[in-house]
Every structure is written in structure tokens, then in C-alpha cells.
Amino acid sequence: MTRAAEVRFENVTKRYGGTAKAVNDVSFTIPAGTLCTLLGPSGCGKTTTLRMIAGLEYPTEGRVLIGGKDVSALPPAERDVSMVFQSYALFPHMNVLENVGYGLTVSRQPKAKVREAARAALDSVGLSGFEERLPSELSGGQQQRVAVARALVLEPSVLLFDEPLSNLDARLRRRMREEIRDLQQRLGVTVAYVTHDQAEALAISDKIIVMNQAVIAQEGTPRDLYEAPANAFVAGFVGEANRLPATLSHRQGDMAQVTIGSATLSLPHRGAAEGAVQLAVRPEAVELLDVADPATTLRGTVAKAAYLGGLMEYTLTTEAGDVFVIDSHTQRQRGVGEVVGLGLGQRGIAVLPA
């Protein structure tokens, strides 16, 4: 495996038809040897960004650098990157070994070297012994591994994934994302990974870049984005979040008093001015209590309750609005119409900057 390379975008814009901007003045850095996820809804620009790393699209403005080298105008073959597509794009008439070695074969490498490299790549993804099978004889997860092995055999400094798990069922997706993360850490390759699945991004990433309407809404570690969302869009897109009206007062240092309903909390103000604000409250950050202390809790009435095996989901009506709550205490199930207290701490609650 070649040495991992840093990927850097400098004020990159991609236009189609002269005016429509698929990506608008985007700058970011993916450190070498890390896994960075481009996350966002359909049409936000994340796949176009990935294709500009691959060389399948070229920027209208700005620069794309890989390993410190400006590759903005270089074709894919000269970028030292490999891409795993959403469809896997395996050749149905070739067996697994031939599929994995295809890139080396078309570059006219000796047959013995191609076979050796392809077998090593298959071994790295746990598919030794599958060399003679056709793609039609493999499960979805196995086909995905073959696609990864085909990308790895070229020894890229950057490995690109375009929603590689979208064709798999939920249980297999969880297992495959763990395998991709393990492979990236074991090989130390730089990975740029596109998905619209928030749980997938949180589970595997060193860094997440959230995109919305062709620009970066926020970038940071999974914990940064989940616990300190920069705006309402990020709060709602990265995991679940209740957005509730509140009043901020008495700023002192980094902290301020925040009143929500009859309850008053001490929270980091995150630059918000005194006055009306919004809070992002994670569903699992709310503790359901039998007795509501007006000074520290909201009073709520259970409007909906759903048992999901290992947890309960509730919707509660409060003076601050409806609140969605996830409760792991399934032995104590709350009934519709029951009045409870909603305990609010500091963790999982963030003031949304204006």
C-alpha cells in the first residue's frame, strides 16, 4: 500500500450550465490516513465533491490537491485514487479474481503479478477461497468486498466510497461499515466516504463534513457535530433533535442562564445574544421523572408511546412544545395521558447560535 495522502479543497466551485452551482466555494482538508465522511441530503453536493476528488468531474473554480499536488486538471488515472461505486460495477462474466485484478490487467502488468496482487487484496477483505466464483454466486456483502478489493489492488493513496452500503439490508450494513472502518485503520489509507445515513457517518468517521445546498454547513468530529451543532440544520440532520424555544439571560464567561418553560438551566451560550434562542435537545438527553420540580424540569403529558424492544419512544406535550424522548428504562413504561417530569441536564442540550 502506498503512503496515505492528504486531500485539500481550496475555494472549489462546480457549475453546470454556466449558472447552477452543485458545489459553491467549498474549502476543507482531509488529513492523511483518516476516514472523512461527506454527509448530507440528496442534491447537497457531496457526490459531486467526491467525483472531483476522483477526477470524474473538474472544478469550475478553485483547486483540488492530493498529497500537496494540484490535481485539478488531471484525469483519474493520474491521481493515485480508487473508487468503490454504489452499484459495485462488477463484470458479471469475470470471476472474482479477474474482477479484482482488472485494473492491473488493463495497465499491462505481468499475469503472475496480477494474480498475486489480486489474491493479496482478496485476503485483506476476508475473501480467500472465493477466487473462482462469479459475482452472481456472491451475496451483496461479498460483492461489496470484491469491489473494495478491486480498489485496493491498485494501492491508492486515497480510497473513495460512494454510498457503498445503500444496496444492503440494515443488519448487513452495520457489519460492513465496521469492516470498512477496520480495513481503513489497518491499512492506514485516506478515505473519503459519501453517505446520507447519519448513523453510518457517526459510527465510522474520524471527521464529518456536513453539506447543505452546495456549501459546508459544519465540519468536525462526530462528537463535535452531535453535541455542538452549528445551526438548526445540522442539529436536525445529524441524529434526532428537538428544537425548542427558550430565553437566554445573564451571560457570564462562556455560560448563561437559559429558561425553557418554567425550568432554568446553565448552558454554554456559544455566542448567542441575550433574548430568544432555540435549544437542540437530543431525545436520549431527557430523563423521565415521576415528580416534576418546576425549577429544574418541564411538566409533560405522554401523547404517544412505542415499545421497541430495548427502548421506549415517547412523544410528550409540554409548555415548550412537543418533545420526542428515547428512554432505555423499558421496565417502567409510561402510558398515554400520564403526567411526568422531563429532567434536563447539560449533556445533549445545546444553544443554537443565531
Protein backbone atom coordinates (compact mmCIF):
# COMPACT_ATOMS: atom_id res chain seq x y z
CA MET A 1 0.00 0.00 0.00
CA THR A 2 1.34 3.40 -0.95
CA ARG A 3 1.57 6.12 1.66
CA ALA A 4 -1.72 7.83 2.51
CA ALA A 5 -2.15 11.33 1.12
CA GLU A 6 -3.86 14.48 2.38
CA VAL A 7 -6.80 15.77 0.32
CA ARG A 8 -7.43 19.51 0.24
CA PHE A 9 -10.07 21.66 -1.45
CA GLU A 10 -9.32 25.37 -1.86
CA ASN A 11 -12.35 27.54 -2.70
CA VAL A 12 -13.77 24.96 -5.08
CA THR A 13 -16.90 25.75 -7.10
CA LYS A 14 -18.55 23.44 -9.64
CA ARG A 15 -21.09 24.90 -12.05
CA TYR A 16 -23.33 23.13 -14.52
CA GLY A 17 -24.81 25.01 -17.46
CA GLY A 18 -22.93 28.15 -16.56
CA THR A 19 -25.08 29.21 -13.58
CA ALA A 20 -26.26 26.27 -11.45
CA LYS A 21 -23.78 25.61 -8.65
CA ALA A 22 -23.52 21.99 -7.49
CA VAL A 23 -20.67 22.98 -5.14
CA ASN A 24 -20.18 26.59 -4.05
CA ASP A 25 -16.82 27.91 -2.77
CA VAL A 26 -16.00 24.84 -0.67
CA SER A 27 -12.74 24.52 1.30
CA PHE A 28 -11.72 21.64 3.57
CA THR A 29 -8.85 19.30 4.42
CA ILE A 30 -8.91 15.52 4.88
CA PRO A 31 -5.77 14.63 6.86
CA ALA A 32 -3.70 11.74 5.54
CA GLY A 33 -4.65 8.35 6.97
CA THR A 34 -8.09 9.39 8.21
CA LEU A 35 -11.65 8.48 7.25
CA CYS A 36 -13.73 11.53 6.39
CA THR A 37 -17.44 11.30 5.60
CA LEU A 38 -19.25 13.72 3.31
CA LEU A 39 -22.77 13.75 4.75
CA GLY A 40 -25.91 15.47 3.59
CA PRO A 41 -29.30 15.15 1.90
CA SER A 42 -29.76 14.36 -1.78
CA GLY A 43 -28.63 17.21 -4.01
CA CYS A 44 -26.40 18.86 -1.40
CA GLY A 45 -23.19 18.48 -3.46
CA LYS A 46 -21.47 15.62 -1.61
CA THR A 47 -21.27 13.20 -4.57
CA THR A 48 -20.06 15.97 -6.91
CA THR A 49 -17.36 16.75 -4.35
CA LEU A 50 -16.30 13.09 -4.26
CA ARG A 51 -16.22 12.93 -8.07
CA MET A 52 -13.95 15.97 -8.14
CA ILE A 53 -11.50 14.11 -5.87
CA ALA A 54 -11.68 11.15 -8.25
CA GLY A 55 -11.23 13.25 -11.38
CA LEU A 56 -14.62 12.27 -12.78
CA GLU A 57 -15.61 15.96 -12.54
CA TYR A 58 -13.39 19.03 -12.78
CA PRO A 59 -13.79 22.19 -10.69
CA THR A 60 -15.04 25.34 -12.41
CA GLU A 61 -13.07 27.42 -9.91
CA GLY A 62 -10.58 26.67 -7.14
CA ARG A 63 -8.07 23.88 -6.63
CA VAL A 64 -8.09 20.21 -5.62
CA LEU A 65 -4.84 18.97 -4.08
CA ILE A 66 -3.85 15.39 -3.25
CA GLY A 67 -0.63 14.91 -1.31
CA GLY A 68 0.14 18.61 -1.80
CA LYS A 69 -0.04 18.29 -5.61
CA ASP A 70 -2.59 20.27 -7.63
CA VAL A 71 -4.61 17.61 -9.48
CA SER A 72 -7.49 19.88 -10.52
CA ALA A 73 -6.97 19.25 -14.24
CA LEU A 74 -5.55 15.71 -14.08
CA PRO A 75 -7.53 12.69 -15.35
CA PRO A 76 -8.48 9.91 -12.90
CA ALA A 77 -5.60 7.62 -13.93
CA GLU A 78 -3.03 10.21 -12.82
CA ARG A 79 -4.45 10.91 -9.35
CA ASP A 80 -3.48 7.76 -7.37
CA VAL A 81 -7.07 7.28 -6.17
CA SER A 82 -9.51 4.36 -6.38
CA MET A 83 -13.28 4.48 -6.10
CA VAL A 84 -15.89 1.99 -4.86
CA PHE A 85 -19.19 2.77 -6.58
CA GLN A 86 -22.69 2.40 -5.19
CA SER A 87 -23.52 -0.31 -7.76
CA TYR A 88 -20.14 -2.11 -7.22
CA ALA A 89 -19.87 -2.31 -11.06
CA LEU A 90 -18.52 -5.87 -11.12
CA PHE A 91 -18.16 -7.60 -14.51
CA PRO A 92 -20.70 -10.47 -14.49
CA HIS A 93 -18.72 -12.63 -16.96
CA MET A 94 -15.48 -12.44 -14.93
CA ASN A 95 -14.77 -14.45 -11.81
CA VAL A 96 -13.78 -12.77 -8.54
CA LEU A 97 -10.03 -12.97 -9.17
CA GLU A 98 -10.40 -11.48 -12.65
CA ASN A 99 -12.61 -8.68 -11.36
CA VAL A 100 -10.16 -7.75 -8.62
CA GLY A 101 -7.16 -7.83 -10.96
CA TYR A 102 -8.86 -5.97 -13.81
CA GLY A 103 -7.20 -2.60 -13.16
CA LEU A 104 -3.74 -4.16 -13.18
CA THR A 105 -4.58 -6.24 -16.27
CA VAL A 106 -5.55 -3.21 -18.37
CA SER A 107 -2.33 -1.48 -17.31
CA ARG A 108 -0.49 -4.49 -18.83
CA GLN A 109 1.06 -5.82 -15.63
CA PRO A 110 2.50 -9.37 -15.84
CA LYS A 111 -0.17 -12.04 -15.28
CA ALA A 112 1.70 -13.60 -12.36
CA LYS A 113 1.93 -10.21 -10.62
CA VAL A 114 -1.77 -9.54 -11.25
CA ARG A 115 -2.79 -12.89 -9.71
CA GLU A 116 -0.52 -12.41 -6.71
CA ALA A 117 -1.75 -8.87 -6.03
CA ALA A 118 -5.40 -9.85 -6.53
CA ARG A 119 -5.10 -12.77 -4.11
CA ALA A 120 -3.48 -10.49 -1.51
CA ALA A 121 -6.27 -7.94 -1.90
CA LEU A 122 -8.92 -10.65 -1.51
CA ASP A 123 -7.19 -11.90 1.60
CA SER A 124 -7.22 -8.38 3.07
CA VAL A 125 -11.04 -8.29 2.78
CA GLY A 126 -11.54 -11.86 4.01
CA LEU A 127 -12.42 -13.49 0.68
CA SER A 128 -9.62 -16.00 0.23
CA GLY A 129 -11.09 -19.08 -1.45
CA PHE A 130 -13.65 -17.12 -3.48
CA GLU A 131 -11.35 -16.54 -6.46
CA GLU A 132 -13.24 -18.71 -8.98
CA ARG A 133 -16.78 -17.61 -8.13
CA LEU A 134 -18.83 -15.34 -10.36
CA PRO A 135 -20.44 -12.18 -8.94
CA SER A 136 -23.87 -13.83 -9.30
CA GLU A 137 -22.74 -16.51 -6.84
CA LEU A 138 -21.96 -13.97 -4.11
CA SER A 139 -24.12 -12.24 -1.51
CA GLY A 140 -24.48 -8.46 -1.52
CA GLY A 141 -21.91 -8.11 1.25
CA GLN A 142 -19.43 -10.33 -0.59
CA GLN A 143 -19.87 -8.34 -3.79
CA GLN A 144 -19.16 -5.18 -1.84
CA ARG A 145 -15.93 -6.70 -0.52
CA VAL A 146 -14.87 -7.65 -4.04
CA ALA A 147 -15.41 -4.04 -5.12
CA VAL A 148 -13.23 -2.87 -2.21
CA ALA A 149 -10.52 -5.42 -3.08
CA ARG A 150 -10.55 -4.25 -6.71
CA ALA A 151 -9.94 -0.69 -5.49
CA LEU A 152 -7.23 -1.74 -3.01
CA VAL A 153 -5.24 -3.77 -5.53
CA LEU A 154 -4.20 -0.54 -7.24
CA GLU A 155 -2.54 0.57 -3.98
CA PRO A 156 -4.14 4.04 -3.93
CA SER A 157 -3.14 6.82 -1.58
CA VAL A 158 -6.83 7.82 -1.39
CA LEU A 159 -9.81 5.44 -1.40
CA LEU A 160 -13.25 6.80 -2.28
CA PHE A 161 -16.64 5.30 -1.37
CA ASP A 162 -19.89 6.50 -2.98
CA GLU A 163 -22.74 5.26 -0.74
CA PRO A 164 -21.34 1.69 -0.84
CA LEU A 165 -23.84 0.20 1.63
CA SER A 166 -27.09 1.56 0.21
CA ASN A 167 -27.91 -1.74 -1.55
CA LEU A 168 -27.61 -3.82 1.65
CA ASP A 169 -30.14 -4.60 4.36
CA ALA A 170 -29.84 -2.84 7.73
CA ARG A 171 -28.16 -5.72 9.58
CA LEU A 172 -25.54 -6.29 6.85
CA ARG A 173 -24.91 -2.56 6.55
CA ARG A 174 -23.92 -2.40 10.21
CA ARG A 175 -21.47 -5.28 9.81
CA MET A 176 -19.98 -3.95 6.57
CA ARG A 177 -19.44 -0.45 7.92
CA GLU A 178 -17.46 -1.98 10.78
CA GLU A 179 -15.38 -3.94 8.29
CA ILE A 180 -14.67 -0.84 6.19
CA ARG A 181 -13.58 1.07 9.28
CA ASP A 182 -11.36 -1.80 10.43
CA LEU A 183 -9.79 -2.07 6.97
CA GLN A 184 -9.09 1.66 6.80
CA GLN A 185 -7.41 1.66 10.21
CA ARG A 186 -5.42 -1.46 9.47
CA LEU A 187 -4.11 -0.20 6.11
CA GLY A 188 -3.81 3.47 7.11
CA VAL A 189 -5.23 4.69 3.79
CA THR A 190 -7.00 8.04 3.43
CA VAL A 191 -10.74 7.50 2.85
CA ALA A 192 -13.41 9.92 1.62
CA TYR A 193 -16.82 8.35 2.16
CA VAL A 194 -20.17 9.67 0.90
CA THR A 195 -23.42 8.77 2.66
CA HIS A 196 -26.77 10.28 3.63
CA ASP A 197 -27.03 7.90 6.61
CA GLN A 198 -26.27 9.79 9.82
CA ALA A 199 -25.73 6.68 11.96
CA GLU A 200 -23.28 5.32 9.40
CA ALA A 201 -21.32 8.57 9.42
CA LEU A 202 -21.20 8.77 13.22
CA ALA A 203 -20.06 5.15 13.52
CA ILE A 204 -17.08 5.14 11.16
CA SER A 205 -15.70 8.66 10.79
CA ASP A 206 -12.68 10.49 12.14
CA LYS A 207 -14.17 13.63 10.61
CA ILE A 208 -17.57 14.52 9.14
CA ILE A 209 -18.26 17.28 6.63
CA VAL A 210 -21.99 18.10 6.58
CA MET A 211 -23.11 19.69 3.31
CA ASN A 212 -26.35 21.51 2.55
CA GLN A 213 -27.33 23.36 -0.61
CA ALA A 214 -23.84 23.15 -2.18
CA VAL A 215 -21.93 24.54 0.83
CA ILE A 216 -20.45 23.16 4.06
CA ALA A 217 -22.87 23.54 6.96
CA GLN A 218 -20.33 22.29 9.55
CA GLU A 219 -17.29 20.05 9.80
CA GLY A 220 -15.71 18.33 12.79
CA THR A 221 -15.54 15.09 14.73
CA PRO A 222 -18.73 13.04 15.20
CA ARG A 223 -18.88 14.21 18.83
CA ASP A 224 -18.46 17.86 17.81
CA LEU A 225 -21.35 17.72 15.38
CA TYR A 226 -23.65 15.74 17.64
CA GLU A 227 -23.07 17.66 20.86
CA ALA A 228 -22.42 21.15 19.45
CA PRO A 229 -24.33 21.58 16.17
CA ALA A 230 -23.57 24.87 14.44
CA ASN A 231 -27.14 25.50 13.34
CA ALA A 232 -30.64 24.06 13.22
CA PHE A 233 -29.97 22.13 10.00
CA VAL A 234 -27.01 20.23 11.48
CA ALA A 235 -28.89 19.61 14.74
CA GLY A 236 -31.76 18.02 12.83
CA PHE A 237 -29.70 16.13 10.26
CA VAL A 238 -27.01 14.61 12.48
CA GLY A 239 -29.18 12.42 14.67
CA GLU A 240 -32.55 13.33 16.19
CA ALA A 241 -33.05 16.67 17.92
CA ASN A 242 -35.98 18.52 19.48
CA ARG A 243 -35.84 22.22 18.65
CA LEU A 244 -37.46 24.13 21.49
CA PRO A 245 -37.88 27.88 22.14
CA ALA A 246 -36.07 29.30 25.15
CA THR A 247 -34.82 32.59 26.62
CA LEU A 248 -31.12 33.27 27.28
CA SER A 249 -30.04 35.67 30.02
CA HIS A 250 -27.23 36.51 32.46
CA ARG A 251 -24.21 35.69 30.30
CA GLN A 252 -21.05 35.18 32.34
CA GLY A 253 -17.94 33.91 30.61
CA ASP A 254 -18.90 31.02 28.37
CA MET A 255 -22.04 30.22 30.34
CA ALA A 256 -25.53 31.69 30.54
CA GLN A 257 -28.87 31.04 32.18
CA VAL A 258 -31.40 29.58 29.78
CA THR A 259 -35.09 29.42 30.65
CA ILE A 260 -37.29 26.86 28.92
CA GLY A 261 -40.86 26.83 30.16
CA SER A 262 -40.63 27.09 33.94
CA ALA A 263 -37.18 25.42 34.10
CA THR A 264 -33.87 27.30 34.21
CA LEU A 265 -30.63 25.68 33.02
CA SER A 266 -26.98 26.74 33.00
CA LEU A 267 -25.58 26.13 29.48
CA PRO A 268 -22.72 27.34 27.26
CA HIS A 269 -24.16 30.29 25.30
CA ARG A 270 -21.99 29.52 22.21
CA GLY A 271 -22.03 33.16 21.14
CA ALA A 272 -25.80 33.62 21.26
CA ALA A 273 -27.02 37.03 22.41
CA GLU A 274 -29.37 37.51 25.34
CA GLY A 275 -33.00 37.11 24.36
CA ALA A 276 -34.98 34.49 22.46
CA VAL A 277 -32.99 31.43 21.36
CA GLN A 278 -33.59 27.85 20.28
CA LEU A 279 -32.34 24.75 22.07
CA ALA A 280 -31.40 21.49 20.38
CA VAL A 281 -32.38 18.75 22.82
CA ARG A 282 -31.36 15.17 21.99
CA PRO A 283 -34.12 12.60 22.70
CA GLU A 284 -31.88 10.47 24.91
CA ALA A 285 -30.81 13.52 26.99
CA VAL A 286 -34.24 13.80 28.62
CA GLU A 287 -34.85 11.89 31.86
CA LEU A 288 -38.46 10.99 32.65
CA LEU A 289 -39.31 11.58 36.31
CA ASP A 290 -42.34 10.73 38.40
CA VAL A 291 -42.31 14.14 40.08
CA ALA A 292 -41.75 17.40 38.23
CA ASP A 293 -39.79 20.10 40.09
CA PRO A 294 -40.85 23.33 38.32
CA ALA A 295 -37.44 24.91 38.88
CA THR A 296 -35.44 22.27 37.03
CA THR A 297 -37.84 20.22 34.92
CA LEU A 298 -40.61 20.58 32.39
CA ARG A 299 -44.02 19.15 33.07
CA GLY A 300 -45.23 16.92 30.26
CA THR A 301 -48.09 14.63 29.30
CA VAL A 302 -47.47 11.42 27.35
CA ALA A 303 -49.17 11.76 23.94
CA LYS A 304 -47.63 8.72 22.22
CA ALA A 305 -45.72 5.66 23.45
CA ALA A 306 -44.00 2.92 21.43
CA TYR A 307 -42.15 -0.16 22.69
CA LEU A 308 -39.11 -1.02 20.54
CA GLY A 309 -37.61 -3.91 22.49
CA GLY A 310 -34.53 -2.35 24.05
CA LEU A 311 -36.04 1.11 24.43
CA MET A 312 -39.23 3.14 24.59
CA GLU A 313 -40.07 6.07 22.34
CA TYR A 314 -42.37 8.78 23.69
CA THR A 315 -43.87 11.99 22.39
CA LEU A 316 -44.76 14.34 25.24
CA THR A 317 -46.78 17.53 25.22
CA THR A 318 -45.11 20.29 27.26
CA GLU A 319 -45.41 24.04 27.72
CA ALA A 320 -42.37 24.43 25.42
CA GLY A 321 -43.89 22.28 22.68
CA ASP A 322 -43.90 18.59 21.77
CA VAL A 323 -40.80 16.68 22.90
CA PHE A 324 -39.61 13.36 21.47
CA VAL A 325 -37.88 11.18 24.09
CA ILE A 326 -35.95 7.89 23.89
CA ASP A 327 -35.98 6.02 27.22
CA SER A 328 -33.93 2.87 27.86
CA HIS A 329 -35.87 2.04 31.04
CA THR A 330 -38.33 -0.30 29.37
CA GLN A 331 -39.34 -1.91 32.66
CA ARG A 332 -41.12 1.33 33.57
CA GLN A 333 -43.46 2.01 30.66
CA ARG A 334 -45.39 5.27 30.70
CA GLY A 335 -48.98 5.23 29.48
CA VAL A 336 -50.70 7.74 27.21
CA GLY A 337 -52.13 10.55 29.33
CA GLU A 338 -49.63 10.05 32.18
CA VAL A 339 -48.11 13.26 33.59
CA VAL A 340 -44.33 13.18 34.11
CA GLY A 341 -41.38 15.46 34.68
CA LEU A 342 -38.78 15.97 31.96
CA GLY A 343 -35.36 16.26 33.59
CA LEU A 344 -32.89 18.33 31.55
CA GLY A 345 -29.15 18.28 32.27
CA GLN A 346 -26.28 19.86 30.33
CA ARG A 347 -25.22 16.92 28.19
CA GLY A 348 -27.16 16.51 24.96
CA ILE A 349 -28.61 20.05 25.10
CA ALA A 350 -27.13 22.88 23.04
CA VAL A 351 -27.99 26.51 22.40
CA LEU A 352 -28.26 27.03 18.65
CA PRO A 353 -26.29 30.09 17.58
CA ALA A 354 -28.26 32.71 15.64
